[in-house]
Amino acid sequence: MSEKGHKRPRLTNKLLAVVSALVLGGGGVAVVAGSANAGQEGRLDSAGAAQVTDTIDCPDVGDRLTSVPDQARAEVDEGLGDLDVQVADAYRRLAAGEARGEELMGGLKQQREQTIGRMSDAIARSAARPEELKDLSGCEVKQAAAEDDAGAGAQAADAGAARSTGGKGGPARSDFVAIGKVRPNVRTPAASAGASTGSFSSQCGRNENGHFNPDNVIVAPGVSNGAHHMHDYVGNESTDAFSTNDSLAASGTTCGNGDLSSYYWPVLRLRDGKAERDAQAPGGGQDANVGTILRPKQVSITFKGSPAGKVKAMPRFLRIITGDAKAFTNGTANANASWSCTGFENRQLKDKYPICPKGSDVVRTFTFQSCWDGRNTDSANHRTHVAFANRDGRCPRGFSAIPQLVQRITYGVAPGARFAVDSFPEQLHKPVTDHGDFINVMNNGLMNTAVDCINRGRTCR
């Protein structure tokens, strides 16, 4: 199969202006956020400039892959995992002051050239060599808003991560904004006469069984700690880096209706200086993810219809990623974060964490792509086999409407408490990197029930 990729915009040297407005897909919901400097309350240095820290910006090789032959997939997946390890290790050395940026970038480029070369060789054994990859080895040191909380260094030290991050792992005060200062910005397309207005929900709990790991079986199958951040899981009870379609289908589930699908997302942590159980582990403290992991107060998993017409069944084992875990350095082409507060969900933030008033909970909403190419359950870059609907709710040419997954997750966070989403180390826990992952493992009967409910305008739980 062949999927055509696209080039993402790069961020500016300061990485401080993320975008003032972005219209997200997924049912046509528009999420408009202020600039990354809006509402800044961080400490200023003597020159009046916001404190900054260095991070590493590398081209995302995985996103540029247009096609990977089946024979080369294992080697390519291993190579992508190696590239992430290389960047994480370089960031740790940079943050700890063990090496200068110029020296680090030279060594990192050599490592990446070798790894990309092996990946290209693997593809070339059964397909055309991807010549476009050879120009993706070089990386840059970029500046970003620093963690300007006076307790940041102590928090990192208490969690055993001081050596790896230097206490500057983010987020910064400028990454937060009071939700009351945000104007309402959510818009939805009008439903046509033939719209599918029903919904189907799976009740899968809040990860009460403690299913955590830093794997990502979609992006990095067979690679332990492929995400370099910890994931919360609900639904399928066995999902990890080594899961297969067969193992997922044979697993148990936390969903009351027998839905075996895997739903997962990065954990949210309080930056409270406390040592979580993964303080010394990969995906946790070893990857600059520190503090107490918050259990959601509520997780809702709902499949919705299309405002433009009926939906068709998803294929079993369809994989969808929404959002971009590397959006802070990649740019916002694939970003799809939505942060808000209960009682204020007509105001959605993309590049800020919300400060919620007393009695209001933090809300993360993941609105997944709802258009499918009708052929592939995955693609080389894990994106081009699915798409968001256009502003009018219709799917792009060549795509058909499928049930749209919307995940809504709430957390009880005290007003003013610092929190952060887990991330790759060099992404500095920025809110724009939030993302969700889904593997459809519903059996055909359950999927057909969902489609029938949605197309008939019924609400099924």
Protein backbone atom coordinates (compact mmCIF):
# COMPACT_ATOMS: atom_id res chain seq x y z
CA MET A 1 0.00 0.00 0.00
CA SER A 2 1.12 3.56 -0.57
CA GLU A 3 0.29 6.55 1.56
CA LYS A 4 1.49 10.03 0.75
CA GLY A 5 2.92 11.95 3.70
CA HIS A 6 3.11 15.67 4.18
CA LYS A 7 5.69 18.06 5.53
CA ARG A 8 5.03 19.74 8.85
CA PRO A 9 5.76 23.38 9.61
CA ARG A 10 8.76 23.96 11.86
CA LEU A 11 8.58 26.07 14.98
CA THR A 12 10.50 29.30 15.42
CA ASN A 13 13.75 29.46 17.35
CA LYS A 14 12.02 30.50 20.55
CA LEU A 15 9.29 27.88 20.26
CA LEU A 16 7.02 30.31 22.06
CA ALA A 17 4.36 31.14 19.47
CA VAL A 18 2.51 27.91 18.86
CA VAL A 19 -0.44 29.33 16.86
CA SER A 20 -3.16 31.71 17.81
CA ALA A 21 -5.91 29.73 16.17
CA LEU A 22 -6.34 26.21 14.87
CA VAL A 23 -9.45 24.63 13.47
CA LEU A 24 -9.39 20.98 14.48
CA GLY A 25 -11.20 18.23 12.67
CA GLY A 26 -13.30 15.62 14.35
CA GLY A 27 -16.86 16.71 13.81
CA GLY A 28 -15.76 20.20 12.86
CA VAL A 29 -15.05 21.36 16.41
CA ALA A 30 -12.97 24.53 16.30
CA VAL A 31 -10.42 24.92 19.06
CA VAL A 32 -8.97 28.40 19.24
CA ALA A 33 -6.19 29.07 21.72
CA GLY A 34 -4.29 32.19 22.63
CA SER A 35 -0.66 32.59 21.70
CA ALA A 36 1.91 30.82 23.83
CA ASN A 37 2.73 34.12 25.55
CA ALA A 38 -0.84 34.97 26.50
CA GLY A 39 -1.50 35.20 30.22
CA GLN A 40 2.15 34.61 31.04
CA GLU A 41 2.74 34.74 34.77
CA GLY A 42 6.27 33.32 34.92
CA ARG A 43 9.20 34.88 36.69
CA LEU A 44 11.24 37.25 34.52
CA ASP A 45 15.01 37.63 34.48
CA SER A 46 16.77 40.98 34.97
CA ALA A 47 16.41 41.80 31.28
CA GLY A 48 12.66 41.29 31.44
CA ALA A 49 12.66 38.22 29.19
CA ALA A 50 10.96 34.96 30.08
CA GLN A 51 13.31 32.28 31.39
CA VAL A 52 14.28 29.76 28.74
CA THR A 53 15.88 26.35 28.56
CA ASP A 54 17.33 24.30 25.71
CA THR A 55 15.69 21.33 24.07
CA ILE A 56 16.37 19.26 20.96
CA ASP A 57 14.41 19.48 17.72
CA CYS A 58 14.83 16.60 15.23
CA PRO A 59 12.86 15.81 12.07
CA ASP A 60 10.26 13.12 12.74
CA VAL A 61 11.35 10.24 10.55
CA GLY A 62 8.28 8.11 11.32
CA ASP A 63 5.92 10.79 10.11
CA ARG A 64 7.77 11.09 6.79
CA LEU A 65 7.49 7.39 5.93
CA THR A 66 5.16 6.96 2.98
CA SER A 67 5.16 3.16 2.80
CA VAL A 68 6.98 0.28 4.47
CA PRO A 69 6.93 -3.24 3.00
CA ASP A 70 5.76 -5.92 5.39
CA GLN A 71 9.16 -7.60 5.16
CA ALA A 72 10.87 -4.47 6.50
CA ARG A 73 8.43 -3.46 9.22
CA ALA A 74 10.24 -5.11 12.15
CA GLU A 75 13.58 -3.48 11.26
CA VAL A 76 11.96 -0.10 10.61
CA ASP A 77 10.05 -0.20 13.91
CA GLU A 78 13.27 -1.07 15.74
CA GLY A 79 15.03 1.80 14.00
CA LEU A 80 12.32 4.30 14.96
CA GLY A 81 12.65 3.14 18.56
CA ASP A 82 16.43 3.62 18.39
CA LEU A 83 15.98 7.18 17.07
CA ASP A 84 13.79 8.08 20.05
CA VAL A 85 16.32 6.61 22.47
CA GLN A 86 19.10 8.61 20.84
CA VAL A 87 17.21 11.90 21.16
CA ALA A 88 16.19 11.17 24.76
CA ASP A 89 19.78 10.38 25.73
CA ALA A 90 21.08 13.51 24.01
CA TYR A 91 18.47 15.64 25.78
CA ARG A 92 19.43 14.23 29.17
CA ARG A 93 23.10 15.05 28.55
CA LEU A 94 22.18 18.56 27.35
CA ALA A 95 19.91 19.27 30.33
CA ALA A 96 22.47 17.95 32.81
CA GLY A 97 25.23 20.10 31.30
CA GLU A 98 27.36 17.08 30.39
CA ALA A 99 28.01 18.30 26.84
CA ARG A 100 27.64 21.42 24.74
CA GLY A 101 24.96 21.66 22.10
CA GLU A 102 27.29 21.73 19.08
CA GLU A 103 29.15 18.63 20.29
CA LEU A 104 25.92 16.80 21.05
CA MET A 105 24.32 17.60 17.71
CA GLY A 106 27.34 16.30 15.79
CA GLY A 107 27.30 12.98 17.63
CA LEU A 108 23.54 12.70 17.42
CA LYS A 109 23.62 13.29 13.67
CA GLN A 110 26.11 10.46 13.21
CA GLN A 111 23.94 8.09 15.26
CA ARG A 112 20.82 9.05 13.32
CA GLU A 113 22.57 8.71 9.95
CA GLN A 114 23.54 5.13 10.78
CA THR A 115 20.07 4.22 12.04
CA ILE A 116 18.25 5.86 9.13
CA GLY A 117 20.65 4.12 6.76
CA ARG A 118 19.76 0.71 8.23
CA MET A 119 16.06 1.51 7.93
CA SER A 120 16.49 2.59 4.30
CA ASP A 121 18.46 -0.58 3.53
CA ALA A 122 15.67 -2.71 5.01
CA ILE A 123 13.04 -1.00 2.85
CA ALA A 124 15.25 -1.15 -0.27
CA ARG A 125 15.43 -4.95 -0.12
CA SER A 126 11.82 -5.19 -1.31
CA ALA A 127 10.83 -1.69 -2.49
CA ALA A 128 12.29 1.56 -3.76
CA ARG A 129 14.85 3.11 -1.42
CA PRO A 130 13.30 6.08 0.48
CA GLU A 131 15.89 8.65 -0.56
CA GLU A 132 13.99 11.42 1.22
CA LEU A 133 14.99 9.98 4.61
CA LYS A 134 18.70 10.68 4.18
CA ASP A 135 18.18 14.40 4.85
CA LEU A 136 16.47 13.85 8.21
CA SER A 137 19.49 13.06 10.39
CA GLY A 138 20.39 16.61 11.49
CA CYS A 139 18.93 18.06 14.70
CA GLU A 140 19.01 21.50 16.31
CA VAL A 141 19.17 22.87 19.83
CA LYS A 142 16.15 25.12 20.33
CA GLN A 143 15.09 27.36 23.19
CA ALA A 144 11.81 26.99 25.03
CA ALA A 145 10.08 28.48 28.05
CA ALA A 146 11.73 27.03 31.16
CA GLU A 147 10.12 25.56 34.24
CA ASP A 148 10.13 28.70 36.34
CA ASP A 149 8.64 27.20 39.49
CA ALA A 150 11.08 27.62 42.35
CA GLY A 151 10.39 24.07 43.49
CA ALA A 152 11.09 22.45 40.14
CA GLY A 153 14.60 21.34 40.97
CA ALA A 154 13.48 19.86 44.28
CA GLN A 155 10.65 18.00 42.59
CA ALA A 156 13.01 16.43 40.09
CA ALA A 157 15.49 15.53 42.80
CA ASP A 158 12.84 13.95 45.02
CA ALA A 159 11.77 11.79 42.10
CA GLY A 160 15.30 10.73 41.25
CA ALA A 161 15.41 12.62 37.96
CA ALA A 162 17.68 15.57 38.79
CA ARG A 163 20.68 14.16 36.96
CA SER A 164 18.70 13.61 33.78
CA THR A 165 16.76 16.88 33.60
CA GLY A 166 18.66 19.42 35.65
CA GLY A 167 15.28 20.33 37.16
CA LYS A 168 14.10 21.99 33.95
CA GLY A 169 11.75 19.41 32.52
CA GLY A 170 8.75 21.72 32.25
CA PRO A 171 6.03 22.81 32.25
CA ALA A 172 6.52 26.56 32.65
CA ARG A 173 4.12 28.97 34.35
CA SER A 174 3.42 30.39 30.90
CA ASP A 175 1.94 27.00 29.93
CA PHE A 176 -1.08 27.66 32.19
CA VAL A 177 -4.01 30.03 31.82
CA ALA A 178 -7.14 30.63 33.91
CA ILE A 179 -10.07 29.15 32.00
CA GLY A 180 -12.17 32.21 32.83
CA LYS A 181 -9.85 34.31 30.66
CA VAL A 182 -10.56 32.17 27.60
CA ARG A 183 -13.40 33.16 25.28
CA PRO A 184 -15.92 30.52 24.15
CA ASN A 185 -14.59 29.03 20.96
CA VAL A 186 -16.30 25.68 20.22
CA ARG A 187 -18.30 25.40 17.01
CA THR A 188 -19.98 22.38 15.47
CA PRO A 189 -21.26 21.92 11.91
CA ALA A 190 -25.00 21.88 11.40
CA ALA A 191 -26.52 18.42 10.92
CA SER A 192 -27.94 17.60 7.50
CA ALA A 193 -31.28 15.86 7.00
CA GLY A 194 -29.56 12.47 6.73
CA ALA A 195 -27.21 12.88 9.69
CA SER A 196 -26.45 9.97 12.00
CA THR A 197 -27.32 11.45 15.38
CA GLY A 198 -27.10 8.47 17.75
CA SER A 199 -24.27 7.37 20.04
CA PHE A 200 -22.77 4.21 21.48
CA SER A 201 -20.79 4.11 24.73
CA SER A 202 -18.47 1.58 26.34
CA GLN A 203 -18.19 1.72 30.13
CA CYS A 204 -14.59 0.70 30.75
CA GLY A 205 -13.70 2.18 34.13
CA ARG A 206 -10.88 4.51 35.16
CA ASN A 207 -7.92 2.11 35.11
CA GLU A 208 -8.75 0.84 38.58
CA ASN A 209 -6.68 -2.26 37.82
CA GLY A 210 -3.49 -0.19 37.44
CA HIS A 211 -2.65 -1.04 33.84
CA PHE A 212 0.35 1.20 33.12
CA ASN A 213 3.35 0.91 30.83
CA PRO A 214 5.54 3.20 28.70
CA ASP A 215 4.99 1.16 25.53
CA ASN A 216 3.21 2.07 22.31
CA VAL A 217 2.21 -0.95 20.30
CA ILE A 218 0.93 1.19 17.41
CA VAL A 219 4.00 3.34 16.80
CA ALA A 220 6.69 1.10 18.30
CA PRO A 221 5.54 -2.53 18.28
CA GLY A 222 8.02 -4.87 19.92
CA VAL A 223 9.93 -2.00 21.59
CA SER A 224 9.89 -1.72 25.39
CA ASN A 225 9.53 1.89 26.56
CA GLY A 226 8.76 2.93 23.00
CA ALA A 227 6.78 5.95 24.25
CA HIS A 228 9.29 7.23 26.85
CA HIS A 229 6.27 8.25 28.92
CA MET A 230 3.71 6.32 30.96
CA HIS A 231 0.32 5.38 29.52
CA ASP A 232 -3.04 4.84 31.24
CA TYR A 233 -5.05 1.97 29.73
CA VAL A 234 -8.71 1.00 29.82
CA GLY A 235 -10.48 -1.70 27.88
CA ASN A 236 -8.16 -4.46 26.72
CA GLU A 237 -6.31 -5.86 29.73
CA SER A 238 -3.21 -7.14 27.98
CA THR A 239 -2.02 -4.27 25.78
CA ASP A 240 1.73 -3.71 25.74
CA ALA A 241 4.53 -3.36 23.20
CA PHE A 242 4.38 -7.03 22.28
CA SER A 243 0.64 -7.34 21.71
CA THR A 244 -0.60 -8.82 18.44
CA ASN A 245 -4.06 -8.88 16.91
CA ASP A 246 -4.43 -12.45 18.15
CA SER A 247 -3.33 -11.67 21.70
CA LEU A 248 -5.63 -8.64 21.90
CA ALA A 249 -8.58 -10.71 20.65
CA ALA A 250 -7.86 -13.39 23.31
CA SER A 251 -7.60 -10.92 26.20
CA GLY A 252 -10.02 -9.85 28.88
CA THR A 253 -11.46 -6.34 29.11
CA THR A 254 -12.46 -3.76 31.68
CA CYS A 255 -15.45 -2.77 29.50
CA GLY A 256 -18.82 -3.98 30.75
CA ASN A 257 -20.19 -4.68 27.26
CA GLY A 258 -17.34 -6.99 26.23
CA ASP A 259 -15.56 -4.36 24.13
CA LEU A 260 -11.98 -5.69 23.79
CA SER A 261 -10.67 -2.48 22.25
CA SER A 262 -7.54 -0.83 23.64
CA TYR A 263 -7.87 2.80 24.73
CA TYR A 264 -4.78 4.56 26.08
CA TRP A 265 -3.27 8.00 26.68
CA PRO A 266 -0.35 9.60 28.60
CA VAL A 267 -0.88 9.84 32.34
CA LEU A 268 -1.37 13.20 34.03
CA ARG A 269 0.84 13.93 37.06
CA LEU A 270 0.87 16.41 39.87
CA ARG A 271 4.23 18.18 40.01
CA ASP A 272 4.20 17.72 43.76
CA GLY A 273 7.74 16.54 44.46
CA LYS A 274 6.60 13.08 45.52
CA ALA A 275 8.32 9.93 44.30
CA GLU A 276 5.88 7.82 42.31
CA ARG A 277 6.50 4.08 41.98
CA ASP A 278 8.12 4.64 38.57
CA ALA A 279 10.51 7.33 39.86
CA GLN A 280 13.54 5.25 38.89
CA ALA A 281 11.98 3.46 35.92
CA PRO A 282 11.86 3.90 32.13
CA GLY A 283 8.91 6.06 31.14
CA GLY A 284 8.94 7.59 34.61
CA GLY A 285 11.83 9.32 36.34
CA GLN A 286 14.38 8.00 33.86
CA ASP A 287 12.54 9.91 31.15
CA ALA A 288 11.91 13.09 33.21
CA ASN A 289 8.30 12.19 34.04
CA VAL A 290 7.97 12.88 37.75
CA GLY A 291 5.31 13.39 40.40
CA THR A 292 2.15 11.64 41.52
CA ILE A 293 0.13 9.94 38.78
CA LEU A 294 -3.46 11.16 38.88
CA ARG A 295 -6.25 8.63 38.48
CA PRO A 296 -9.09 10.05 36.41
CA LYS A 297 -12.31 10.88 38.24
CA GLN A 298 -14.24 9.85 35.15
CA VAL A 299 -13.51 8.32 31.74
CA SER A 300 -16.21 8.35 29.08
CA ILE A 301 -15.78 6.49 25.79
CA THR A 302 -18.42 7.43 23.24
CA PHE A 303 -18.77 6.74 19.53
CA LYS A 304 -20.76 9.39 17.65
CA GLY A 305 -22.17 9.81 14.18
CA SER A 306 -21.60 12.12 11.23
CA PRO A 307 -23.49 15.40 10.69
CA ALA A 308 -23.35 14.69 6.95
CA GLY A 309 -24.81 11.17 6.75
CA LYS A 310 -24.70 7.57 7.93
CA VAL A 311 -21.60 5.81 9.23
CA LYS A 312 -20.20 2.41 8.28
CA ALA A 313 -18.56 -0.17 10.50
CA MET A 314 -14.89 0.16 11.45
CA PRO A 315 -12.75 -2.83 10.51
CA ARG A 316 -11.53 -4.93 13.42
CA PHE A 317 -7.97 -4.01 14.49
CA LEU A 318 -8.19 -0.52 12.99
CA ARG A 319 -5.54 1.64 14.67
CA ILE A 320 -5.97 5.39 15.16
CA ILE A 321 -3.74 7.97 16.83
CA THR A 322 -5.09 11.45 17.45
CA GLY A 323 -2.76 14.29 18.32
CA ASP A 324 1.04 14.30 18.18
CA ALA A 325 3.32 13.35 21.07
CA LYS A 326 6.07 15.45 19.46
CA ALA A 327 3.99 18.46 18.49
CA PHE A 328 6.18 20.87 20.47
CA THR A 329 9.11 20.32 18.10
CA ASN A 330 7.27 18.88 15.07
CA GLY A 331 4.84 21.76 14.75
CA THR A 332 1.08 21.62 15.01
CA ALA A 333 0.06 19.93 11.75
CA ASN A 334 -1.05 16.80 13.61
CA ALA A 335 -1.71 18.33 17.02
CA ASN A 336 -5.17 17.69 18.48
CA ALA A 337 -4.99 18.51 22.18
CA SER A 338 -8.12 19.85 23.89
CA TRP A 339 -7.91 20.99 27.52
CA SER A 340 -10.73 22.58 29.49
CA CYS A 341 -12.61 22.59 32.80
CA THR A 342 -16.02 21.22 33.76
CA GLY A 343 -18.59 23.98 33.40
CA PHE A 344 -16.43 25.70 30.77
CA GLU A 345 -16.24 23.13 27.98
CA ASN A 346 -17.34 25.63 25.37
CA ARG A 347 -13.77 26.94 25.84
CA GLN A 348 -11.07 24.56 24.65
CA LEU A 349 -7.31 25.07 24.89
CA LYS A 350 -4.76 23.55 22.56
CA ASP A 351 -1.42 24.93 23.73
CA LYS A 352 -2.23 25.72 27.39
CA TYR A 353 -3.14 23.85 30.54
CA PRO A 354 -6.29 25.22 32.18
CA ILE A 355 -6.40 26.68 35.68
CA CYS A 356 -9.86 25.66 36.84
CA PRO A 357 -11.84 27.44 39.56
CA LYS A 358 -12.77 25.72 42.81
CA GLY A 359 -15.30 22.96 42.24
CA SER A 360 -14.35 22.54 38.57
CA ASP A 361 -12.34 19.58 37.24
CA VAL A 362 -9.64 19.51 34.55
CA VAL A 363 -10.93 17.93 31.32
CA ARG A 364 -8.98 16.30 28.50
CA THR A 365 -10.97 15.54 25.35
CA PHE A 366 -9.68 13.34 22.54
CA THR A 367 -11.76 13.62 19.38
CA PHE A 368 -10.54 11.01 16.92
CA GLN A 369 -10.50 10.97 13.13
CA SER A 370 -13.86 9.81 11.76
CA CYS A 371 -13.08 9.09 8.10
CA TRP A 372 -11.49 5.86 6.85
CA ASP A 373 -9.90 5.04 3.49
CA GLY A 374 -11.90 1.80 3.26
CA ARG A 375 -8.80 -0.39 2.81
CA ASN A 376 -6.12 -0.16 5.48
CA THR A 377 -6.24 -0.77 9.22
CA ASP A 378 -2.96 1.14 9.62
CA SER A 379 -0.48 3.09 7.51
CA ALA A 380 3.28 3.58 7.49
CA ASN A 381 3.06 6.84 9.44
CA HIS A 382 -0.07 5.63 11.33
CA ARG A 383 -2.06 8.62 10.03
CA THR A 384 -2.87 8.59 6.34
CA HIS A 385 -5.37 5.69 6.42
CA VAL A 386 -7.76 7.91 8.42
CA ALA A 387 -8.71 11.57 8.23
CA PHE A 388 -10.77 14.24 9.92
CA ALA A 389 -13.99 15.40 8.34
CA ASN A 390 -14.08 18.76 6.58
CA ARG A 391 -15.64 21.80 8.24
CA ASP A 392 -19.04 20.86 6.87
CA GLY A 393 -18.74 17.40 8.43
CA ARG A 394 -18.20 15.57 5.14
CA CYS A 395 -15.28 13.20 4.67
CA PRO A 396 -12.52 14.02 2.15
CA ARG A 397 -12.74 12.34 -1.25
CA GLY A 398 -11.80 8.68 -1.02
CA PHE A 399 -12.81 8.36 2.66
CA SER A 400 -16.01 7.12 4.30
CA ALA A 401 -17.55 8.11 7.62
CA ILE A 402 -17.06 5.69 10.53
CA PRO A 403 -18.17 6.04 14.18
CA GLN A 404 -16.20 8.87 15.74
CA LEU A 405 -14.49 8.02 19.02
CA VAL A 406 -14.62 10.80 21.60
CA GLN A 407 -12.81 10.21 24.90
CA ARG A 408 -13.48 12.60 27.77
CA ILE A 409 -11.31 12.30 30.88
CA THR A 410 -11.69 14.40 34.03
CA TYR A 411 -9.33 14.95 36.97
CA GLY A 412 -9.72 16.54 40.36
CA VAL A 413 -6.93 19.12 40.60
CA ALA A 414 -6.82 21.76 43.33
CA PRO A 415 -6.96 25.32 41.97
CA GLY A 416 -3.42 26.54 41.33
CA ALA A 417 -1.82 23.08 41.63
CA ARG A 418 0.89 22.43 39.05
CA PHE A 419 0.32 19.39 36.86
CA ALA A 420 1.69 18.07 33.57
CA VAL A 421 1.09 15.43 30.95
CA ASP A 422 3.77 12.77 30.52
CA SER A 423 5.88 13.31 27.40
CA PHE A 424 9.05 12.44 25.58
CA PRO A 425 11.83 14.16 27.60
CA GLU A 426 12.67 16.75 24.94
CA GLN A 427 8.99 17.73 24.57
CA LEU A 428 9.09 19.37 28.04
CA HIS A 429 5.56 18.25 29.05
CA LYS A 430 3.97 20.89 26.85
CA PRO A 431 0.15 20.69 26.69
CA VAL A 432 0.16 20.71 22.87
CA THR A 433 1.74 17.21 22.91
CA ASP A 434 -1.34 15.54 24.40
CA HIS A 435 -2.60 12.59 22.34
CA GLY A 436 -4.72 9.45 22.45
CA ASP A 437 -4.42 5.97 20.95
CA PHE A 438 -7.08 3.44 19.97
CA ILE A 439 -7.13 -0.10 18.58
CA ASN A 440 -10.59 -1.35 17.63
CA VAL A 441 -10.99 -4.92 18.89
CA MET A 442 -14.79 -5.01 19.02
CA ASN A 443 -16.20 -8.19 17.52
CA ASN A 444 -18.36 -7.73 14.43
CA GLY A 445 -21.60 -8.12 16.36
CA LEU A 446 -20.78 -5.36 18.83
CA MET A 447 -19.53 -3.04 16.09
CA ASN A 448 -22.70 -3.61 14.07
CA THR A 449 -24.76 -2.81 17.19
CA ALA A 450 -22.84 0.44 17.59
CA VAL A 451 -23.37 1.41 13.95
CA ASP A 452 -27.08 0.60 14.13
CA CYS A 453 -27.52 2.73 17.27
CA ILE A 454 -25.69 5.65 15.72
CA ASN A 455 -27.45 5.54 12.36
CA ARG A 456 -30.93 5.15 13.94
CA GLY A 457 -30.42 8.11 16.27
CA ARG A 458 -30.49 6.01 19.42
CA THR A 459 -28.38 6.40 22.57
CA CYS A 460 -26.90 3.03 23.56
CA ARG A 461 -24.83 2.30 26.66
